[in-house]
Amino acid sequence: MTQHHFPESFVWGSATAAYQIEGAATEDGRGPSIWDTYSHTPGRTLNGDTGDVAADHYHRWADDLGHIADLGLGAYRFSISWPRVQPGGSGRFNQAGIDFYSRLVDGLLERGVRPVATMYHWDLPQELEDAGGWAARETALRFQEYAAGIVGALGDRVHTWTTLNEPWCSAYLGYASGVHAPGRTEPAAALAAVHHLNLAHGLAGRVVRELAPSAELSVTLNLHVIRGASDSAADQDAVRRIDALANRAFLGPMLDGEYPADLLADTASVTDWSFVHEGDEKLIAVPLDVLGVNYYSSTLVRAWDGVSARSDADGHGASTSTPWVAADNVDFLPQPGPYTAMGWNIDPPALTELLLRLQREYPSQPMMITENGAAFDDVVSADGRIHDERRIDYLRRHIGAMADARAQGADVRGYFVWSLLDNFEWGYGYDRRFGIIRVDYDTQVRTWKDSAHWYQRLAATGELDQAQD
């Protein structure tokens, strides 16, 4: 066993998202989001599941905060439902929705837990989608207004404001492959969405700097670790092309203040990027206090030979359309197991690799792991316990990989397990369980899994025994 010790200043937390846990989809003035529309469209989600009730967190929030306190966590990352606080995405704010999050924030502070609020975790108000969605510049401007309203309401009580969660998913899965809401398959719209999400981040980030200057500012990206099937020039160019779409399309404008030239060249056949206005890239590059990193699995690519059957094992859901805009010459290869219930490969060393890359390229940028976890087919034993040894092993190995990166100089200051609760897992409905706390969806009873007890001990002691491979 390798022993890792984390300092007292290291933040242990858990994460959730509004549409995945809150339910109360039509209560207290909440308007419809693209995920309400998408999940209620036949054939879009497994078993036709929706987030109408989810984990009923809207009514059970106080009990759920009790679980967070009992776990001994220092921070809780939640998202604010845009249509709950501003039902149409513009115009009037809904006081009942704002009051809900105000109670949530105060409840966390009363329990000694830092509130980490994500402004956008994929639940765009449907009215804005009807007007063009993230493919329209106007949506970024509406997001700026929404940010001003919610930051003004919650003020400096929120410790960290995160502008966006995984804009890669919002843009490419929502507008290119269509496996996420709003379910569009329009490559040019997906690239426009990339830019308008980036612009929304910059505009909202500047709102935080102005209205809550003592709060920390963050964004969360699901950065991909991409490896080539060989060292050949063709395979390494496939790595470069996918890295531009997956990673540098966001890191470039957010941290460097410009889009990568090779991204613009690679996608020139799809769009001329005329939606990028003069001054946009400087607006996007608002300085961050912390970069949120979400990591689950790695990616293996090669150059397509133009003859053999294409391989699309990228782990991002089945569709006749690809999320990888202008990358038709790239194959995504299956990887050796073991796998989670999502079919994702388990590759802890890739997390070390990712964090060291970020430290090397952005040496002055602190980081946090804002999501990491695994879905497995949990079984309730005869004793009423959920003995989820595979999840514990997954967490242990990935936290160990993070510790290895820290030991090599990566400035990683916290870790948020995904997820606090079992929840609505987007297109997979309620079939995939990521929580360290089980939710019985019939009764809404919460039960700690063994992984919750394990994580509680880790948060209390800061001591990790890392199993050797």
Protein backbone atom coordinates (compact mmCIF):
# COMPACT_ATOMS: atom_id res chain seq x y z
CA MET A 1 0.00 0.00 0.00
CA THR A 2 1.16 3.54 -0.77
CA GLN A 3 0.19 6.10 1.86
CA HIS A 4 -0.92 9.59 0.85
CA HIS A 5 -1.55 12.36 3.34
CA PHE A 6 -3.60 15.42 2.42
CA PRO A 7 -3.21 18.66 4.40
CA GLU A 8 -6.05 20.14 6.44
CA SER A 9 -6.42 22.89 3.84
CA PHE A 10 -7.36 20.35 1.17
CA VAL A 11 -11.10 20.54 0.40
CA TRP A 12 -13.21 17.38 0.35
CA GLY A 13 -16.63 17.79 -1.17
CA SER A 14 -19.42 16.24 -3.19
CA ALA A 15 -21.33 17.44 -6.23
CA THR A 16 -24.83 17.35 -7.71
CA ALA A 17 -26.82 19.10 -10.45
CA ALA A 18 -30.25 20.72 -10.20
CA TYR A 19 -32.16 18.82 -12.88
CA GLN A 20 -30.66 15.53 -11.74
CA ILE A 21 -31.85 15.74 -8.13
CA GLU A 22 -34.35 18.52 -7.46
CA GLY A 23 -37.60 17.33 -9.03
CA ALA A 24 -40.49 19.77 -8.41
CA ALA A 25 -40.33 20.47 -12.12
CA THR A 26 -43.48 22.58 -12.24
CA GLU A 27 -43.65 23.87 -8.66
CA ASP A 28 -43.30 27.40 -7.30
CA GLY A 29 -43.04 29.12 -10.65
CA ARG A 30 -40.28 27.05 -12.26
CA GLY A 31 -40.37 27.23 -16.05
CA PRO A 32 -39.51 24.44 -18.51
CA SER A 33 -35.92 23.73 -19.50
CA ILE A 34 -34.53 21.98 -22.55
CA TRP A 35 -34.11 18.87 -20.42
CA ASP A 36 -37.79 18.87 -19.49
CA THR A 37 -38.65 19.01 -23.18
CA TYR A 38 -36.01 16.48 -24.20
CA SER A 39 -36.82 13.91 -21.49
CA HIS A 40 -40.53 14.12 -22.24
CA THR A 41 -39.89 13.41 -25.94
CA PRO A 42 -40.49 9.69 -26.64
CA GLY A 43 -37.32 7.74 -27.34
CA ARG A 44 -34.90 10.29 -25.96
CA THR A 45 -34.21 8.74 -22.54
CA LEU A 46 -33.97 5.18 -21.27
CA ASN A 47 -37.40 3.92 -20.17
CA GLY A 48 -38.81 7.38 -20.88
CA ASP A 49 -37.44 8.60 -17.54
CA THR A 50 -37.65 12.30 -16.70
CA GLY A 51 -36.41 14.61 -13.97
CA ASP A 52 -39.94 15.52 -12.85
CA VAL A 53 -39.35 14.03 -9.38
CA ALA A 54 -35.73 12.83 -9.48
CA ALA A 55 -34.40 12.60 -5.90
CA ASP A 56 -37.00 15.11 -4.63
CA HIS A 57 -34.19 17.28 -3.28
CA TYR A 58 -36.37 20.39 -3.62
CA HIS A 59 -38.46 19.12 -0.71
CA ARG A 60 -35.75 17.13 1.11
CA TRP A 61 -32.88 19.60 0.90
CA ALA A 62 -32.52 20.04 4.67
CA ASP A 63 -32.14 16.28 5.21
CA ASP A 64 -29.67 16.11 2.33
CA LEU A 65 -27.59 18.87 3.89
CA GLY A 66 -27.62 16.79 7.05
CA HIS A 67 -25.99 13.96 5.12
CA ILE A 68 -23.34 16.36 3.80
CA ALA A 69 -22.59 17.53 7.34
CA ASP A 70 -22.50 13.97 8.67
CA LEU A 71 -20.04 13.05 5.92
CA GLY A 72 -17.80 15.78 7.28
CA LEU A 73 -17.41 17.49 3.93
CA GLY A 74 -15.92 20.94 3.64
CA ALA A 75 -17.75 21.98 0.47
CA TYR A 76 -20.83 21.15 -1.57
CA ARG A 77 -21.04 21.82 -5.29
CA PHE A 78 -24.61 22.28 -6.49
CA SER A 79 -26.13 23.93 -9.53
CA ILE A 80 -28.76 26.61 -9.77
CA SER A 81 -31.67 25.87 -12.08
CA TRP A 82 -31.86 28.83 -14.43
CA PRO A 83 -35.59 28.23 -15.19
CA ARG A 84 -36.34 28.00 -11.47
CA VAL A 85 -35.02 31.48 -10.77
CA GLN A 86 -35.77 33.08 -14.16
CA PRO A 87 -38.43 30.94 -15.83
CA GLY A 88 -38.19 32.36 -19.34
CA GLY A 89 -34.45 32.96 -19.37
CA SER A 90 -35.01 36.73 -19.54
CA GLY A 91 -37.14 39.32 -17.85
CA ARG A 92 -38.62 38.71 -14.44
CA PHE A 93 -36.97 36.66 -11.71
CA ASN A 94 -38.93 34.16 -9.64
CA GLN A 95 -38.59 35.01 -5.97
CA ALA A 96 -39.69 31.55 -4.84
CA GLY A 97 -36.82 30.02 -6.79
CA ILE A 98 -34.30 32.49 -5.43
CA ASP A 99 -35.57 31.84 -1.91
CA PHE A 100 -34.96 28.11 -2.33
CA TYR A 101 -31.29 28.63 -3.14
CA SER A 102 -30.97 31.25 -0.43
CA ARG A 103 -32.18 28.69 2.12
CA LEU A 104 -29.80 26.11 0.67
CA VAL A 105 -26.80 28.44 0.91
CA ASP A 106 -27.67 29.52 4.44
CA GLY A 107 -28.18 25.89 5.43
CA LEU A 108 -24.71 25.00 4.17
CA LEU A 109 -23.10 27.91 5.98
CA GLU A 110 -24.89 26.96 9.21
CA ARG A 111 -23.33 23.51 8.90
CA GLY A 112 -19.86 24.84 8.19
CA VAL A 113 -19.88 23.78 4.54
CA ARG A 114 -18.64 26.02 1.72
CA PRO A 115 -21.31 26.63 -0.95
CA VAL A 116 -19.93 26.11 -4.47
CA ALA A 117 -22.63 27.24 -6.90
CA THR A 118 -22.65 26.33 -10.58
CA MET A 119 -24.70 28.79 -12.62
CA TYR A 120 -25.29 26.46 -15.56
CA HIS A 121 -25.46 22.68 -15.55
CA TRP A 122 -27.27 22.13 -18.86
CA ASP A 123 -30.84 23.25 -18.02
CA LEU A 124 -31.32 26.11 -20.49
CA PRO A 125 -34.77 27.74 -20.27
CA GLN A 126 -36.82 26.38 -23.17
CA GLU A 127 -37.82 29.87 -24.33
CA LEU A 128 -34.18 30.66 -25.04
CA GLU A 129 -33.75 27.46 -27.02
CA ASP A 130 -36.83 28.36 -29.02
CA ALA A 131 -35.07 31.61 -29.90
CA GLY A 132 -31.92 29.80 -31.08
CA GLY A 133 -30.35 28.37 -27.95
CA TRP A 134 -26.60 28.42 -27.47
CA ALA A 135 -26.14 28.73 -31.23
CA ALA A 136 -27.43 32.32 -30.83
CA ARG A 137 -25.28 35.10 -29.40
CA GLU A 138 -28.28 36.53 -27.57
CA THR A 139 -28.25 33.54 -25.19
CA ALA A 140 -24.85 34.59 -23.85
CA LEU A 141 -26.20 38.07 -23.18
CA ARG A 142 -29.21 36.63 -21.38
CA PHE A 143 -26.83 34.52 -19.30
CA GLN A 144 -25.02 37.67 -18.24
CA GLU A 145 -28.31 39.11 -16.98
CA TYR A 146 -29.19 35.87 -15.20
CA ALA A 147 -25.77 35.87 -13.53
CA ALA A 148 -26.26 39.43 -12.32
CA GLY A 149 -29.62 38.50 -10.81
CA ILE A 150 -28.51 35.39 -8.97
CA VAL A 151 -25.12 36.73 -7.83
CA GLY A 152 -26.87 39.88 -6.65
CA ALA A 153 -29.36 37.78 -4.68
CA LEU A 154 -26.91 35.37 -3.05
CA GLY A 155 -24.05 37.81 -2.82
CA ASP A 156 -20.88 36.85 -1.04
CA ARG A 157 -22.56 34.02 0.85
CA VAL A 158 -21.46 31.72 -1.98
CA HIS A 159 -17.80 30.81 -1.52
CA THR A 160 -17.15 29.86 -5.15
CA TRP A 161 -19.12 30.77 -8.27
CA THR A 162 -18.71 28.34 -11.17
CA THR A 163 -20.01 29.76 -14.44
CA LEU A 164 -20.48 26.61 -16.53
CA ASN A 165 -20.34 22.87 -16.12
CA GLU A 166 -18.84 20.93 -19.03
CA PRO A 167 -19.59 23.26 -21.95
CA TRP A 168 -18.19 20.52 -24.21
CA CYS A 169 -21.29 18.44 -23.46
CA SER A 170 -23.66 21.38 -23.86
CA ALA A 171 -22.25 22.26 -27.27
CA TYR A 172 -21.30 19.00 -28.93
CA LEU A 173 -23.71 16.51 -27.35
CA GLY A 174 -26.57 19.00 -27.44
CA TYR A 175 -26.08 20.46 -30.92
CA ALA A 176 -23.92 18.00 -32.91
CA SER A 177 -24.70 14.40 -31.87
CA GLY A 178 -28.07 15.18 -30.30
CA VAL A 179 -27.74 12.71 -27.42
CA HIS A 180 -28.26 15.54 -24.91
CA ALA A 181 -30.83 18.30 -24.88
CA PRO A 182 -31.84 20.06 -27.05
CA GLY A 183 -31.13 17.10 -29.31
CA ARG A 184 -29.97 18.97 -32.41
CA THR A 185 -27.58 17.53 -35.00
CA GLU A 186 -26.17 20.66 -36.62
CA PRO A 187 -22.33 20.81 -36.70
CA ALA A 188 -22.13 24.54 -37.45
CA ALA A 189 -24.57 25.28 -34.63
CA ALA A 190 -22.42 23.19 -32.28
CA LEU A 191 -19.35 25.32 -32.99
CA ALA A 192 -21.39 28.49 -32.57
CA ALA A 193 -22.55 27.05 -29.24
CA VAL A 194 -18.92 26.47 -28.23
CA HIS A 195 -18.22 30.16 -28.69
CA HIS A 196 -21.38 31.48 -27.10
CA LEU A 197 -20.86 29.26 -24.05
CA ASN A 198 -17.31 30.58 -23.79
CA LEU A 199 -18.61 34.12 -24.14
CA ALA A 200 -21.27 33.47 -21.49
CA HIS A 201 -18.52 32.30 -19.15
CA GLY A 202 -16.53 35.48 -19.66
CA LEU A 203 -19.51 37.78 -19.26
CA ALA A 204 -20.79 36.00 -16.14
CA GLY A 205 -17.31 35.80 -14.67
CA ARG A 206 -17.00 39.56 -14.91
CA VAL A 207 -20.35 39.90 -13.16
CA VAL A 208 -18.97 37.86 -10.25
CA ARG A 209 -15.85 40.02 -10.11
CA GLU A 210 -18.01 43.14 -9.91
CA LEU A 211 -20.84 42.02 -7.62
CA ALA A 212 -19.08 39.49 -5.37
CA PRO A 213 -15.41 40.52 -5.32
CA SER A 214 -14.58 38.39 -2.29
CA ALA A 215 -15.95 35.19 -3.87
CA GLU A 216 -13.80 32.80 -5.86
CA LEU A 217 -14.46 32.35 -9.57
CA SER A 218 -14.31 29.03 -11.39
CA VAL A 219 -15.40 27.11 -14.47
CA THR A 220 -15.65 23.34 -14.77
CA LEU A 221 -14.39 21.57 -17.91
CA ASN A 222 -14.55 17.87 -18.76
CA LEU A 223 -11.08 17.73 -20.22
CA HIS A 224 -10.21 14.69 -22.31
CA VAL A 225 -7.04 12.60 -22.05
CA ILE A 226 -6.50 11.56 -25.65
CA ARG A 227 -3.94 8.98 -26.69
CA GLY A 228 -2.97 7.79 -30.15
CA ALA A 229 -3.10 4.14 -31.18
CA SER A 230 0.48 4.52 -32.43
CA ASP A 231 3.26 7.05 -32.74
CA SER A 232 2.62 7.46 -36.46
CA ALA A 233 2.23 10.99 -37.79
CA ALA A 234 -1.33 10.23 -38.87
CA ASP A 235 -2.40 8.91 -35.46
CA GLN A 236 -0.73 11.77 -33.64
CA ASP A 237 -2.49 14.24 -35.91
CA ALA A 238 -5.77 12.55 -34.92
CA VAL A 239 -4.82 13.22 -31.28
CA ARG A 240 -4.12 16.86 -32.11
CA ARG A 241 -7.42 17.30 -33.94
CA ILE A 242 -9.51 15.82 -31.12
CA ASP A 243 -7.54 17.70 -28.48
CA ALA A 244 -8.43 20.94 -30.26
CA LEU A 245 -12.16 20.15 -30.24
CA ALA A 246 -12.28 18.62 -26.77
CA ASN A 247 -9.87 20.71 -24.76
CA ARG A 248 -8.29 23.68 -26.47
CA ALA A 249 -11.60 25.02 -27.82
CA PHE A 250 -12.25 26.01 -24.19
CA LEU A 251 -8.82 26.31 -22.58
CA GLY A 252 -7.62 28.53 -25.42
CA PRO A 253 -10.10 31.40 -25.10
CA MET A 254 -10.63 31.00 -21.35
CA LEU A 255 -6.99 30.87 -20.28
CA ASP A 256 -4.97 32.07 -23.28
CA GLY A 257 -7.41 34.66 -24.64
CA GLU A 258 -7.63 33.20 -28.14
CA TYR A 259 -8.88 30.22 -30.10
CA PRO A 260 -6.22 27.82 -31.38
CA ALA A 261 -5.36 28.42 -35.03
CA ASP A 262 -5.47 24.71 -35.84
CA LEU A 263 -9.04 24.43 -34.48
CA LEU A 264 -10.18 27.20 -36.82
CA ALA A 265 -8.37 25.57 -39.75
CA ASP A 266 -9.70 22.07 -38.98
CA THR A 267 -13.30 23.29 -38.90
CA ALA A 268 -13.16 25.81 -41.77
CA SER A 269 -15.27 23.53 -43.95
CA VAL A 270 -18.08 23.75 -41.37
CA THR A 271 -18.00 27.42 -40.33
CA ASP A 272 -15.97 30.58 -40.85
CA TRP A 273 -16.27 31.43 -37.12
CA SER A 274 -17.76 34.82 -38.02
CA PHE A 275 -19.81 34.58 -34.82
CA VAL A 276 -16.63 35.52 -32.95
CA HIS A 277 -16.80 39.32 -32.70
CA GLU A 278 -13.86 41.61 -32.16
CA GLY A 279 -13.00 41.69 -28.47
CA ASP A 280 -14.84 38.47 -27.59
CA GLU A 281 -11.73 36.47 -26.82
CA LYS A 282 -10.49 39.09 -24.37
CA LEU A 283 -13.90 39.11 -22.69
CA ILE A 284 -13.81 35.33 -22.34
CA ALA A 285 -10.40 35.32 -20.63
CA VAL A 286 -11.54 36.47 -17.20
CA PRO A 287 -8.94 35.42 -14.59
CA LEU A 288 -9.94 32.34 -12.60
CA ASP A 289 -9.27 31.56 -8.96
CA VAL A 290 -9.63 27.85 -9.65
CA LEU A 291 -10.06 25.66 -12.73
CA GLY A 292 -12.54 22.85 -12.18
CA VAL A 293 -11.56 19.54 -13.77
CA ASN A 294 -14.03 16.70 -14.34
CA TYR A 295 -12.53 13.32 -15.15
CA TYR A 296 -14.00 9.84 -15.61
CA SER A 297 -12.16 7.94 -18.38
CA SER A 298 -9.67 8.30 -21.23
CA THR A 299 -9.89 8.29 -25.03
CA LEU A 300 -8.00 6.30 -27.68
CA VAL A 301 -7.91 7.46 -31.30
CA ARG A 302 -6.34 6.66 -34.63
CA ALA A 303 -6.50 8.02 -38.13
CA TRP A 304 -9.25 6.32 -40.14
CA ASP A 305 -7.84 4.49 -43.13
CA GLY A 306 -10.85 5.36 -45.28
CA VAL A 307 -11.61 1.71 -45.96
CA SER A 308 -12.36 -0.26 -42.81
CA ALA A 309 -15.53 0.13 -40.75
CA ARG A 310 -15.50 3.26 -38.62
CA SER A 311 -15.14 2.88 -34.85
CA ASP A 312 -16.99 5.39 -32.66
CA ALA A 313 -16.28 4.06 -29.15
CA ASP A 314 -15.94 7.51 -27.61
CA GLY A 315 -18.21 6.77 -24.62
CA HIS A 316 -20.60 9.60 -25.36
CA GLY A 317 -23.78 7.78 -26.34
CA ALA A 318 -25.09 6.20 -29.54
CA SER A 319 -26.15 8.48 -32.36
CA THR A 320 -26.14 8.54 -36.13
CA SER A 321 -24.42 11.93 -35.81
CA THR A 322 -21.02 12.51 -34.25
CA PRO A 323 -20.13 15.09 -31.60
CA TRP A 324 -16.69 15.39 -33.21
CA VAL A 325 -17.28 18.14 -35.74
CA ALA A 326 -15.05 18.00 -38.85
CA ALA A 327 -13.22 14.92 -37.51
CA ASP A 328 -14.62 12.31 -39.89
CA ASN A 329 -11.10 10.99 -40.47
CA VAL A 330 -10.67 9.92 -36.82
CA ASP A 331 -11.55 6.56 -35.28
CA PHE A 332 -12.39 6.22 -31.58
CA LEU A 333 -11.19 2.80 -30.46
CA PRO A 334 -12.51 0.51 -27.73
CA GLN A 335 -10.18 0.24 -24.76
CA PRO A 336 -9.43 -2.68 -22.48
CA GLY A 337 -11.41 -2.99 -19.26
CA PRO A 338 -12.34 -2.95 -16.53
CA TYR A 339 -15.34 -0.72 -17.17
CA THR A 340 -17.96 1.09 -15.14
CA ALA A 341 -21.68 0.58 -15.72
CA MET A 342 -21.47 3.46 -18.20
CA GLY A 343 -19.14 1.36 -20.34
CA TRP A 344 -16.28 3.76 -19.59
CA ASN A 345 -12.78 2.41 -19.14
CA ILE A 346 -11.12 2.84 -15.76
CA ASP A 347 -7.79 4.63 -16.20
CA PRO A 348 -6.52 6.42 -13.07
CA PRO A 349 -3.03 7.19 -14.47
CA ALA A 350 -4.69 9.32 -17.14
CA LEU A 351 -5.89 11.67 -14.39
CA THR A 352 -2.30 12.16 -13.24
CA GLU A 353 -1.33 12.80 -16.86
CA LEU A 354 -4.10 15.37 -17.30
CA LEU A 355 -3.31 17.30 -14.13
CA LEU A 356 0.41 17.42 -14.93
CA ARG A 357 -0.35 18.68 -18.44
CA LEU A 358 -2.47 21.49 -17.02
CA GLN A 359 0.20 22.36 -14.47
CA ARG A 360 2.82 22.43 -17.20
CA GLU A 361 0.77 24.60 -19.58
CA TYR A 362 -0.83 26.85 -16.92
CA PRO A 363 1.61 26.79 -13.99
CA SER A 364 -0.04 29.64 -12.07
CA GLN A 365 -3.59 28.22 -12.31
CA PRO A 366 -4.89 26.39 -9.20
CA MET A 367 -7.19 23.43 -9.85
CA MET A 368 -9.83 21.31 -8.19
CA ILE A 369 -11.30 17.96 -9.20
CA THR A 370 -14.93 19.04 -9.41
CA GLU A 371 -16.29 15.65 -10.53
CA ASN A 372 -14.93 12.14 -10.36
CA GLY A 373 -16.82 8.95 -9.61
CA ALA A 374 -18.35 5.84 -11.10
CA ALA A 375 -21.66 4.16 -11.80
CA PHE A 376 -21.90 0.50 -10.90
CA ASP A 377 -24.77 -1.94 -10.59
CA ASP A 378 -25.27 -1.55 -6.85
CA VAL A 379 -27.04 -4.31 -4.95
CA VAL A 380 -28.83 -3.92 -1.62
CA SER A 381 -27.65 -6.84 0.51
CA ALA A 382 -29.74 -8.84 2.95
CA ASP A 383 -28.35 -6.70 5.76
CA GLY A 384 -29.68 -3.56 4.04
CA ARG A 385 -26.17 -2.36 3.19
CA ILE A 386 -24.75 -1.54 -0.24
CA HIS A 387 -21.30 -3.07 -0.36
CA ASP A 388 -19.96 -1.14 -3.35
CA GLU A 389 -16.34 -2.29 -3.23
CA ARG A 390 -15.77 -1.48 -6.90
CA ARG A 391 -16.75 2.17 -6.36
CA ILE A 392 -14.44 2.40 -3.35
CA ASP A 393 -11.62 0.93 -5.42
CA TYR A 394 -12.35 3.40 -8.24
CA LEU A 395 -12.31 6.36 -5.86
CA ARG A 396 -9.22 5.17 -4.03
CA ARG A 397 -7.24 4.76 -7.24
CA HIS A 398 -8.30 8.08 -8.73
CA ILE A 399 -7.69 10.03 -5.54
CA GLY A 400 -4.32 8.31 -5.41
CA ALA A 401 -3.67 9.41 -9.00
CA MET A 402 -4.54 12.97 -8.00
CA ALA A 403 -2.14 12.68 -5.06
CA ASP A 404 0.58 11.48 -7.42
CA ALA A 405 0.06 14.60 -9.54
CA ARG A 406 0.18 16.80 -6.44
CA ALA A 407 3.44 15.15 -5.42
CA GLN A 408 4.85 16.11 -8.83
CA GLY A 409 3.83 19.73 -8.48
CA ALA A 410 0.22 19.96 -9.65
CA ASP A 411 -1.62 22.63 -7.65
CA VAL A 412 -4.80 20.67 -6.92
CA ARG A 413 -6.64 22.04 -3.91
CA GLY A 414 -9.78 19.93 -3.61
CA TYR A 415 -11.78 16.91 -4.72
CA PHE A 416 -15.55 16.59 -5.21
CA VAL A 417 -16.95 13.10 -5.55
CA TRP A 418 -19.68 12.59 -8.13
CA SER A 419 -22.19 12.17 -6.81
CA LEU A 420 -23.66 12.79 -3.39
CA LEU A 421 -26.88 11.00 -4.38
CA ASP A 422 -28.10 8.58 -6.99
CA ASN A 423 -29.92 10.72 -9.51
CA PHE A 424 -31.38 11.19 -12.99
CA GLU A 425 -28.45 10.31 -15.22
CA TRP A 426 -29.54 12.26 -18.30
CA GLY A 427 -30.21 9.99 -21.29
CA TYR A 428 -29.69 6.92 -19.10
CA GLY A 429 -32.54 7.90 -16.80
CA TYR A 430 -32.45 6.15 -13.42
CA ASP A 431 -30.60 3.06 -14.63
CA ARG A 432 -27.11 4.34 -13.78
CA ARG A 433 -26.25 5.04 -10.15
CA PHE A 434 -23.27 7.28 -9.35
CA GLY A 435 -24.16 8.22 -5.77
CA ILE A 436 -22.28 7.37 -2.62
CA ILE A 437 -25.75 7.59 -1.06
CA ARG A 438 -28.43 5.34 -2.52
CA VAL A 439 -31.84 6.77 -3.34
CA ASP A 440 -34.83 4.43 -3.37
CA TYR A 441 -36.86 6.18 -6.05
CA ASP A 442 -40.12 4.63 -4.84
CA THR A 443 -39.77 5.84 -1.25
CA GLN A 444 -37.03 8.51 -1.59
CA VAL A 445 -35.24 6.88 1.37
CA ARG A 446 -31.50 7.65 1.45
CA THR A 447 -29.05 4.90 2.45
CA TRP A 448 -25.32 5.36 2.81
CA LYS A 449 -23.34 2.97 0.66
CA ASP A 450 -20.07 1.60 1.95
CA SER A 451 -18.36 4.19 -0.26
CA ALA A 452 -19.99 6.97 1.78
CA HIS A 453 -18.56 5.56 5.01
CA TRP A 454 -15.17 5.19 3.29
CA TYR A 455 -15.27 8.78 2.00
CA GLN A 456 -16.32 10.04 5.44
CA ARG A 457 -13.17 8.49 6.95
CA LEU A 458 -11.00 9.98 4.22
CA ALA A 459 -12.45 13.46 4.73
CA ALA A 460 -11.91 13.17 8.49
CA THR A 461 -8.33 11.92 8.39
CA GLY A 462 -6.88 13.05 5.06
CA GLU A 463 -5.15 9.67 4.93
CA LEU A 464 -5.42 7.54 1.79
CA ASP A 465 -4.13 4.01 1.46
CA GLN A 466 -3.61 3.54 -2.27
CA ALA A 467 -3.70 -0.06 -3.48
CA GLN A 468 -0.86 -1.08 -5.75
CA ASP A 469 -1.71 -2.18 -9.30
